Amino acid sequence: MAEQRTRDSIWITALTLTRQGQAVTPDGVAEKTGASTRTVRETLNVMSDTPFLQRDLANDGTVRFLAGDGIVTV
């Protein structure tokens, strides 16, 4: 089996949480995965170019990511 890399962990964490209806932030995902905030931010931005995540700007200016059209939420 292939070794799970840092960006794999970011993808899995972000997709799991957003599928459960939660919004994710770069800081929150970095805390859960142990990855740097910069790597998480870059990865989440790439993911938001796919149907899996959508980028959202909260009222307080915080960037967060929500489930995209390609995700079935539970």
Protein backbone atom coordinates (compact mmCIF):
# COMPACT_ATOMS: atom_id res chain seq x y z
CA MET A 1 0.00 0.00 0.00
CA ALA A 2 1.25 3.48 -0.80
CA GLU A 3 2.41 5.76 1.98
CA GLN A 4 0.03 8.57 2.90
CA ARG A 5 1.64 11.95 2.26
CA THR A 6 0.93 15.30 3.91
CA ARG A 7 -1.28 16.51 1.08
CA ASP A 8 -3.19 13.22 1.17
CA SER A 9 -3.93 13.85 4.86
CA ILE A 10 -5.13 17.36 4.03
CA TRP A 11 -7.46 16.07 1.29
CA ILE A 12 -8.86 13.33 3.52
CA THR A 13 -9.39 15.65 6.49
CA ALA A 14 -11.00 18.42 4.44
CA LEU A 15 -13.30 16.06 2.55
CA THR A 16 -14.32 14.17 5.70
CA LEU A 17 -15.20 17.31 7.63
CA THR A 18 -16.99 19.10 4.80
CA ARG A 19 -18.93 15.94 3.96
CA GLN A 20 -20.20 16.04 7.55
CA GLY A 21 -21.47 19.59 6.92
CA GLN A 22 -18.62 21.43 8.62
CA ALA A 23 -16.72 24.36 7.16
CA VAL A 24 -12.94 24.04 7.32
CA THR A 25 -10.25 26.69 7.63
CA PRO A 26 -6.56 26.39 6.82
CA ASP A 27 -5.66 26.80 10.50
CA GLY A 28 -8.12 24.11 11.59
CA VAL A 29 -6.91 21.58 9.02
CA ALA A 30 -3.27 22.39 9.83
CA GLU A 31 -3.95 21.66 13.50
CA LYS A 32 -5.60 18.31 12.71
CA THR A 33 -2.99 17.13 10.20
CA GLY A 34 0.21 18.63 11.59
CA ALA A 35 0.93 20.21 8.21
CA SER A 36 2.05 23.81 7.84
CA THR A 37 -0.67 26.40 7.37
CA ARG A 38 0.92 27.42 4.06
CA THR A 39 0.77 23.86 2.68
CA VAL A 40 -2.82 23.49 3.87
CA ARG A 41 -3.84 26.83 2.36
CA GLU A 42 -2.26 25.93 -1.00
CA THR A 43 -3.88 22.48 -1.00
CA LEU A 44 -7.33 23.80 -0.07
CA ASN A 45 -7.10 26.41 -2.83
CA VAL A 46 -6.26 23.66 -5.35
CA MET A 47 -9.17 21.61 -4.02
CA SER A 48 -11.51 24.58 -4.47
CA ASP A 49 -10.75 24.43 -8.20
CA THR A 50 -12.43 21.00 -8.22
CA PRO A 51 -16.10 20.15 -7.62
CA PHE A 52 -15.22 18.89 -4.12
CA LEU A 53 -14.73 22.17 -2.22
CA GLN A 54 -15.93 25.70 -2.59
CA ARG A 55 -14.14 28.70 -1.16
CA ASP A 56 -16.26 30.99 1.03
CA LEU A 57 -15.53 34.29 2.72
CA ALA A 58 -17.18 34.59 6.13
CA ASN A 59 -18.60 37.91 7.36
CA ASP A 60 -15.54 38.47 9.55
CA GLY A 61 -13.21 38.05 6.56
CA THR A 62 -12.15 34.50 7.41
CA VAL A 63 -11.60 32.26 4.41
CA ARG A 64 -13.29 28.92 4.89
CA PHE A 65 -14.06 26.00 2.65
CA LEU A 66 -17.38 24.20 2.30
CA ALA A 67 -18.52 21.05 0.53
CA GLY A 68 -18.77 21.60 -3.20
CA ASP A 69 -21.30 20.18 -5.62
CA GLY A 70 -19.21 17.04 -6.05
CA ILE A 71 -19.66 16.04 -2.38
CA VAL A 72 -22.65 14.18 -1.00
CA THR A 73 -23.19 15.35 2.59
CA VAL A 74 -24.60 13.11 5.32
